[in-house]
């Protein structure tokens, strides 16, 4: 049984269309997946700095405790000391905790990492002075 040239042409066209669309669909899938991971990481980081800010509000002179509380909230003991910054805004009655982390992307195009930053500020509930990070 012989195939007609129309069937072969259609079959070839389907392969070309699949070759064009498959990478595009995979890229969309990677971008959606990375977007979800970034949103989750941002929410997780925001909650962690809020926990650190709350700890610092009661223990403003305990920078190591603030850092530990942030790391425990993230369930990640590998937080570097430079990742968590404790600041004492002017006025001395509040504390600001900032966390910056690089999140590696799975999408094969681009720089490969995105830096996310989360900040929380809270009023001091202690008479101890606020001690900024070294």
N, C-alpha and C. Protein backbone atom coordinates (compact mmCIF):
# COMPACT_ATOMS: atom_id res chain seq x y z
N UNK A 1 0.83 -1.18 0.00
CA UNK A 1 0.00 0.00 0.00
C UNK A 1 0.88 1.24 0.00
N UNK A 2 0.60 2.11 -0.92
CA UNK A 2 1.40 3.32 -1.06
C UNK A 2 0.70 4.48 -0.37
N UNK A 3 1.52 5.33 0.21
CA UNK A 3 0.97 6.53 0.84
C UNK A 3 0.93 7.66 -0.16
N UNK A 4 -0.02 8.48 0.01
CA UNK A 4 -0.09 9.63 -0.89
C UNK A 4 0.83 10.73 -0.37
N UNK A 5 1.22 11.60 -1.23
CA UNK A 5 2.13 12.68 -0.84
C UNK A 5 1.43 13.65 0.13
N UNK A 6 0.11 13.73 0.08
CA UNK A 6 -0.63 14.60 1.00
C UNK A 6 -0.49 14.09 2.43
N UNK A 7 -0.58 12.79 2.63
CA UNK A 7 -0.44 12.22 3.97
C UNK A 7 0.97 12.45 4.50
N UNK A 8 1.97 12.28 3.68
CA UNK A 8 3.34 12.49 4.11
C UNK A 8 3.61 13.96 4.42
N UNK A 9 3.04 14.84 3.64
CA UNK A 9 3.20 16.27 3.89
C UNK A 9 2.54 16.66 5.20
N UNK A 10 1.34 16.13 5.46
CA UNK A 10 0.66 16.44 6.72
C UNK A 10 1.44 15.87 7.90
N UNK A 11 1.97 14.70 7.74
CA UNK A 11 2.73 14.09 8.82
C UNK A 11 3.99 14.91 9.11
N UNK A 12 4.63 15.39 8.08
CA UNK A 12 5.81 16.24 8.25
C UNK A 12 5.45 17.56 8.89
N UNK A 13 4.29 18.11 8.54
CA UNK A 13 3.85 19.38 9.13
C UNK A 13 3.57 19.21 10.62
N UNK A 14 3.01 18.08 11.00
CA UNK A 14 2.73 17.81 12.41
C UNK A 14 4.04 17.75 13.20
N UNK A 15 5.05 17.12 12.63
CA UNK A 15 6.34 17.05 13.31
C UNK A 15 6.97 18.43 13.47
N UNK A 16 6.88 19.25 12.46
CA UNK A 16 7.43 20.61 12.53
C UNK A 16 6.68 21.42 13.58
N UNK A 17 5.36 21.31 13.61
CA UNK A 17 4.56 22.05 14.60
C UNK A 17 4.92 21.58 16.01
N UNK A 18 5.08 20.29 16.21
CA UNK A 18 5.44 19.77 17.53
C UNK A 18 6.83 20.25 17.92
N UNK A 19 7.75 20.29 16.99
CA UNK A 19 9.11 20.75 17.27
C UNK A 19 9.13 22.22 17.66
N UNK A 20 8.21 23.00 17.14
CA UNK A 20 8.14 24.42 17.48
C UNK A 20 7.41 24.63 18.80
N UNK A 21 6.31 23.93 19.01
CA UNK A 21 5.48 24.16 20.18
C UNK A 21 6.00 23.51 21.46
N UNK A 22 6.66 22.37 21.37
CA UNK A 22 7.12 21.68 22.57
C UNK A 22 8.08 22.52 23.41
N UNK A 23 9.11 23.14 22.84
CA UNK A 23 9.98 23.99 23.66
C UNK A 23 9.23 25.18 24.27
N UNK A 24 8.31 25.74 23.51
CA UNK A 24 7.52 26.86 24.03
C UNK A 24 6.66 26.43 25.21
N UNK A 25 6.02 25.29 25.10
CA UNK A 25 5.19 24.79 26.19
C UNK A 25 6.03 24.42 27.42
N UNK A 26 7.20 23.85 27.19
CA UNK A 26 8.10 23.53 28.30
C UNK A 26 8.58 24.81 29.00
N UNK A 27 8.88 25.84 28.23
CA UNK A 27 9.32 27.11 28.82
C UNK A 27 8.20 27.72 29.67
N UNK A 28 6.98 27.68 29.19
CA UNK A 28 5.84 28.19 29.95
C UNK A 28 5.69 27.40 31.24
N UNK A 29 5.85 26.09 31.17
CA UNK A 29 5.76 25.24 32.35
C UNK A 29 6.84 25.60 33.37
N UNK A 30 8.08 25.78 32.92
CA UNK A 30 9.17 26.16 33.82
C UNK A 30 8.92 27.52 34.47
N UNK A 31 8.44 28.48 33.69
CA UNK A 31 8.17 29.82 34.22
C UNK A 31 7.07 29.77 35.28
N UNK A 32 6.02 29.03 35.03
CA UNK A 32 4.94 28.89 36.01
C UNK A 32 5.45 28.22 37.28
N UNK A 33 6.24 27.17 37.12
CA UNK A 33 6.80 26.45 38.26
C UNK A 33 7.73 27.36 39.07
N UNK A 34 8.63 28.07 38.40
CA UNK A 34 9.53 28.99 39.10
C UNK A 34 8.77 30.12 39.77
N UNK A 35 7.74 30.62 39.11
CA UNK A 35 6.91 31.68 39.72
C UNK A 35 6.28 31.21 41.01
N UNK A 36 5.77 30.01 41.03
CA UNK A 36 5.18 29.46 42.25
C UNK A 36 6.21 29.29 43.35
N UNK A 37 7.40 28.82 42.98
CA UNK A 37 8.47 28.67 43.97
C UNK A 37 8.89 30.02 44.55
N UNK A 38 8.95 31.06 43.69
CA UNK A 38 9.34 32.38 44.17
C UNK A 38 8.29 32.97 45.11
N UNK A 39 7.02 32.80 44.77
CA UNK A 39 5.95 33.30 45.65
C UNK A 39 6.00 32.58 46.99
N UNK A 40 6.17 31.26 46.97
CA UNK A 40 6.26 30.49 48.21
C UNK A 40 7.45 30.94 49.04
N UNK A 41 8.61 31.12 48.40
CA UNK A 41 9.82 31.55 49.13
C UNK A 41 9.63 32.93 49.74
N UNK A 42 8.99 33.84 49.01
CA UNK A 42 8.76 35.20 49.53
C UNK A 42 7.84 35.15 50.75
N UNK A 43 6.79 34.37 50.69
CA UNK A 43 5.88 34.24 51.84
C UNK A 43 6.61 33.64 53.03
N UNK A 44 7.39 32.60 52.78
CA UNK A 44 8.15 31.94 53.85
C UNK A 44 9.15 32.91 54.48
N UNK A 45 9.84 33.69 53.66
CA UNK A 45 10.80 34.66 54.17
C UNK A 45 10.12 35.76 54.98
N UNK A 46 8.98 36.24 54.51
CA UNK A 46 8.25 37.29 55.22
C UNK A 46 7.83 36.80 56.60
N UNK A 47 7.33 35.58 56.68
CA UNK A 47 6.95 35.03 57.98
C UNK A 47 8.17 34.87 58.89
N UNK A 48 9.30 34.49 58.33
CA UNK A 48 10.51 34.30 59.13
C UNK A 48 11.01 35.62 59.71
N UNK A 49 11.02 36.70 58.91
CA UNK A 49 11.48 37.98 59.45
C UNK A 49 10.48 38.55 60.44
N UNK A 50 9.20 38.23 60.29
CA UNK A 50 8.22 38.65 61.29
C UNK A 50 8.49 37.94 62.62
N UNK A 51 8.85 36.65 62.56
CA UNK A 51 9.22 35.92 63.77
C UNK A 51 10.47 36.53 64.39
N UNK A 52 11.46 36.84 63.56
CA UNK A 52 12.69 37.46 64.08
C UNK A 52 12.44 38.83 64.67
N UNK A 53 11.56 39.59 64.05
CA UNK A 53 11.21 40.91 64.57
C UNK A 53 10.50 40.80 65.91
N UNK A 54 9.63 39.82 66.03
CA UNK A 54 8.93 39.61 67.30
C UNK A 54 9.91 39.21 68.40
N UNK A 55 10.85 38.32 68.07
CA UNK A 55 11.88 37.94 69.04
C UNK A 55 12.69 39.18 69.44
N UNK A 56 13.08 39.96 68.44
CA UNK A 56 13.88 41.16 68.70
C UNK A 56 13.13 42.22 69.49
N UNK A 57 11.81 42.24 69.38
CA UNK A 57 11.02 43.21 70.14
C UNK A 57 11.11 42.94 71.64
N UNK A 58 11.25 41.67 72.01
CA UNK A 58 11.36 41.30 73.42
C UNK A 58 12.82 41.17 73.87
N UNK A 59 13.71 40.85 72.94
CA UNK A 59 15.14 40.68 73.24
C UNK A 59 15.96 41.53 72.26
N UNK A 60 15.87 42.86 72.32
CA UNK A 60 16.50 43.70 71.29
C UNK A 60 18.02 43.65 71.28
N UNK A 61 18.64 43.19 72.35
CA UNK A 61 20.10 43.15 72.38
C UNK A 61 20.64 41.78 71.96
N UNK A 62 19.76 40.86 71.55
CA UNK A 62 20.16 39.49 71.21
C UNK A 62 20.12 39.28 69.69
N UNK A 63 21.16 39.81 69.00
CA UNK A 63 21.22 39.66 67.55
C UNK A 63 21.28 38.19 67.15
N UNK A 64 22.08 37.42 67.88
CA UNK A 64 22.21 35.99 67.55
C UNK A 64 20.88 35.28 67.72
N UNK A 65 20.09 35.65 68.72
CA UNK A 65 18.78 35.06 68.92
C UNK A 65 17.82 35.40 67.79
N UNK A 66 17.89 36.64 67.29
CA UNK A 66 17.04 37.04 66.16
C UNK A 66 17.41 36.21 64.93
N UNK A 67 18.71 36.07 64.67
CA UNK A 67 19.16 35.29 63.53
C UNK A 67 18.73 33.84 63.66
N UNK A 68 18.87 33.27 64.85
CA UNK A 68 18.48 31.89 65.08
C UNK A 68 16.98 31.71 64.88
N UNK A 69 16.20 32.68 65.36
CA UNK A 69 14.74 32.60 65.21
C UNK A 69 14.33 32.64 63.73
N UNK A 70 15.01 33.48 62.96
CA UNK A 70 14.73 33.54 61.52
C UNK A 70 15.09 32.21 60.86
N UNK A 71 16.26 31.67 61.19
CA UNK A 71 16.70 30.40 60.60
C UNK A 71 15.77 29.26 60.99
N UNK A 72 15.30 29.24 62.25
CA UNK A 72 14.37 28.19 62.69
C UNK A 72 13.02 28.33 61.99
N UNK A 73 12.58 29.55 61.78
CA UNK A 73 11.30 29.75 61.10
C UNK A 73 11.37 29.29 59.66
N UNK A 74 12.53 29.44 59.03
CA UNK A 74 12.71 28.97 57.66
C UNK A 74 13.01 27.48 57.61
N UNK A 75 13.28 26.90 58.78
CA UNK A 75 13.69 25.50 58.86
C UNK A 75 14.94 25.28 58.03
N UNK A 76 15.86 26.27 58.11
CA UNK A 76 17.08 26.24 57.34
C UNK A 76 18.23 26.75 58.21
N UNK A 77 19.01 25.86 58.79
CA UNK A 77 20.10 26.31 59.65
C UNK A 77 21.28 26.91 58.89
N UNK A 78 21.25 26.87 57.56
CA UNK A 78 22.35 27.36 56.74
C UNK A 78 22.22 28.84 56.37
N UNK A 79 21.43 29.59 57.13
CA UNK A 79 21.33 31.03 56.89
C UNK A 79 22.65 31.66 57.32
N UNK A 80 23.27 32.41 56.44
CA UNK A 80 24.53 33.07 56.77
C UNK A 80 24.25 34.32 57.59
N UNK A 81 25.16 34.69 58.50
CA UNK A 81 24.94 35.88 59.32
C UNK A 81 24.69 37.14 58.50
N UNK A 82 25.31 37.23 57.35
CA UNK A 82 25.10 38.41 56.50
C UNK A 82 23.73 38.44 55.83
N UNK A 83 23.03 37.31 55.82
CA UNK A 83 21.71 37.26 55.20
C UNK A 83 20.66 37.95 56.06
N UNK A 84 20.85 37.93 57.38
CA UNK A 84 19.90 38.55 58.31
C UNK A 84 20.51 39.84 58.82
N UNK A 85 19.82 40.95 58.59
CA UNK A 85 20.30 42.26 59.03
C UNK A 85 19.31 42.81 60.04
N UNK A 86 19.83 43.18 61.22
CA UNK A 86 19.00 43.78 62.27
C UNK A 86 19.38 45.26 62.33
N UNK A 87 18.37 46.13 62.22
CA UNK A 87 18.60 47.57 62.24
C UNK A 87 17.76 48.20 63.35
N UNK A 88 18.24 49.31 63.83
CA UNK A 88 17.52 50.08 64.83
C UNK A 88 17.17 51.44 64.21
N UNK A 89 15.95 51.58 63.71
CA UNK A 89 15.57 52.85 63.09
C UNK A 89 15.69 54.02 64.07
N UNK A 90 15.84 55.24 63.54
CA UNK A 90 15.95 56.41 64.43
C UNK A 90 14.76 56.48 65.40
N UNK A 91 15.05 56.88 66.61
CA UNK A 91 14.03 56.96 67.63
C UNK A 91 14.24 55.91 68.70
N UNK A 92 14.84 54.78 68.32
CA UNK A 92 15.20 53.75 69.27
C UNK A 92 14.06 52.97 69.88
N UNK A 93 12.85 53.09 69.33
CA UNK A 93 11.72 52.37 69.92
C UNK A 93 11.20 51.26 69.02
N UNK A 94 11.99 50.89 68.01
CA UNK A 94 11.57 49.80 67.12
C UNK A 94 12.79 49.03 66.62
N UNK A 95 12.52 47.91 65.99
CA UNK A 95 13.57 47.06 65.43
C UNK A 95 13.14 46.62 64.03
N UNK A 96 14.10 46.58 63.12
CA UNK A 96 13.81 46.17 61.74
C UNK A 96 14.70 44.98 61.39
N UNK A 97 14.09 43.91 60.90
CA UNK A 97 14.82 42.71 60.51
C UNK A 97 14.64 42.50 59.01
N UNK A 98 15.75 42.31 58.30
CA UNK A 98 15.73 42.12 56.86
C UNK A 98 16.47 40.84 56.51
N UNK A 99 15.90 40.07 55.60
CA UNK A 99 16.51 38.83 55.13
C UNK A 99 16.60 38.89 53.61
N UNK A 100 17.78 38.60 53.08
CA UNK A 100 17.98 38.52 51.63
C UNK A 100 18.54 37.15 51.30
N UNK A 101 17.95 36.52 50.28
CA UNK A 101 18.40 35.19 49.85
C UNK A 101 18.36 35.10 48.34
N UNK A 102 19.29 34.34 47.80
CA UNK A 102 19.28 34.03 46.37
C UNK A 102 18.52 32.73 46.17
N UNK A 103 17.54 32.76 45.28
CA UNK A 103 16.75 31.59 44.94
C UNK A 103 17.14 31.14 43.54
N UNK A 104 17.63 29.94 43.41
CA UNK A 104 18.01 29.40 42.10
C UNK A 104 16.77 29.07 41.29
N UNK A 105 16.81 29.45 40.02
CA UNK A 105 15.70 29.18 39.12
C UNK A 105 15.93 27.87 38.37
N UNK A 106 14.84 27.21 38.01
CA UNK A 106 14.92 26.01 37.20
C UNK A 106 14.83 26.33 35.71
N UNK A 107 14.31 27.51 35.39
CA UNK A 107 14.17 27.92 34.00
C UNK A 107 15.57 28.05 33.39
N UNK A 108 15.81 27.39 32.27
CA UNK A 108 17.17 27.38 31.72
C UNK A 108 17.59 28.68 31.04
N UNK A 109 16.75 29.68 31.01
CA UNK A 109 17.11 30.95 30.38
C UNK A 109 17.20 32.02 31.47
N UNK A 110 18.19 32.88 31.34
CA UNK A 110 18.32 33.96 32.31
C UNK A 110 19.55 33.78 33.18
N UNK A 111 19.58 34.55 34.28
CA UNK A 111 20.76 34.57 35.14
C UNK A 111 20.87 33.34 36.02
N UNK A 112 19.77 32.63 36.24
CA UNK A 112 19.83 31.42 37.04
C UNK A 112 19.48 31.62 38.50
N UNK A 113 19.41 32.86 38.99
CA UNK A 113 19.07 33.11 40.38
C UNK A 113 18.36 34.46 40.51
N UNK A 114 17.50 34.55 41.51
CA UNK A 114 16.79 35.79 41.81
C UNK A 114 17.02 36.08 43.29
N UNK A 115 17.32 37.33 43.61
CA UNK A 115 17.49 37.72 45.00
C UNK A 115 16.18 38.24 45.54
N UNK A 116 15.68 37.60 46.59
CA UNK A 116 14.46 38.04 47.25
C UNK A 116 14.82 38.67 48.58
N UNK A 117 14.09 39.71 48.96
CA UNK A 117 14.31 40.40 50.21
C UNK A 117 12.98 40.55 50.94
N UNK A 118 13.00 40.28 52.25
CA UNK A 118 11.82 40.46 53.08
C UNK A 118 12.23 41.28 54.31
N UNK A 119 11.37 42.22 54.70
CA UNK A 119 11.65 43.10 55.83
C UNK A 119 10.44 43.16 56.74
N UNK A 120 10.70 43.17 58.04
CA UNK A 120 9.64 43.35 59.04
C UNK A 120 10.15 44.31 60.11
N UNK A 121 9.27 45.16 60.56
CA UNK A 121 9.62 46.12 61.61
C UNK A 121 8.60 46.03 62.72
N UNK A 122 9.10 46.10 63.95
CA UNK A 122 8.20 46.00 65.09
C UNK A 122 8.63 46.92 66.21
N UNK A 123 7.69 47.29 67.07
CA UNK A 123 7.98 48.11 68.24
C UNK A 123 8.66 47.28 69.31
N UNK A 124 9.53 47.91 70.08
CA UNK A 124 10.22 47.22 71.17
C UNK A 124 9.29 47.08 72.37
N UNK A 125 9.32 45.91 72.98
CA UNK A 125 8.54 45.64 74.19
C UNK A 125 9.46 45.47 75.39
N UNK A 126 10.68 45.95 75.29
CA UNK A 126 11.67 45.77 76.33
C UNK A 126 12.35 47.11 76.59
N UNK A 127 12.92 47.27 77.78
CA UNK A 127 13.66 48.47 78.10
C UNK A 127 15.10 48.38 77.64
N UNK A 128 15.52 47.21 77.18
CA UNK A 128 16.88 47.03 76.67
C UNK A 128 17.03 47.81 75.36
N UNK A 129 18.23 48.32 75.09
CA UNK A 129 18.43 49.05 73.85
C UNK A 129 18.53 48.10 72.67
N UNK A 130 18.14 48.59 71.53
CA UNK A 130 18.24 47.82 70.29
C UNK A 130 19.71 47.76 69.88
N UNK A 131 20.18 46.57 69.51
CA UNK A 131 21.57 46.39 69.06
C UNK A 131 21.53 45.94 67.59
N UNK A 132 22.04 46.78 66.69
CA UNK A 132 22.04 46.40 65.27
C UNK A 132 23.02 45.28 65.00
N UNK A 133 22.85 44.63 63.86
CA UNK A 133 23.75 43.54 63.49
C UNK A 133 25.14 44.09 63.23
N UNK A 134 26.17 43.29 63.54
CA UNK A 134 27.55 43.75 63.34
C UNK A 134 27.91 43.86 61.87
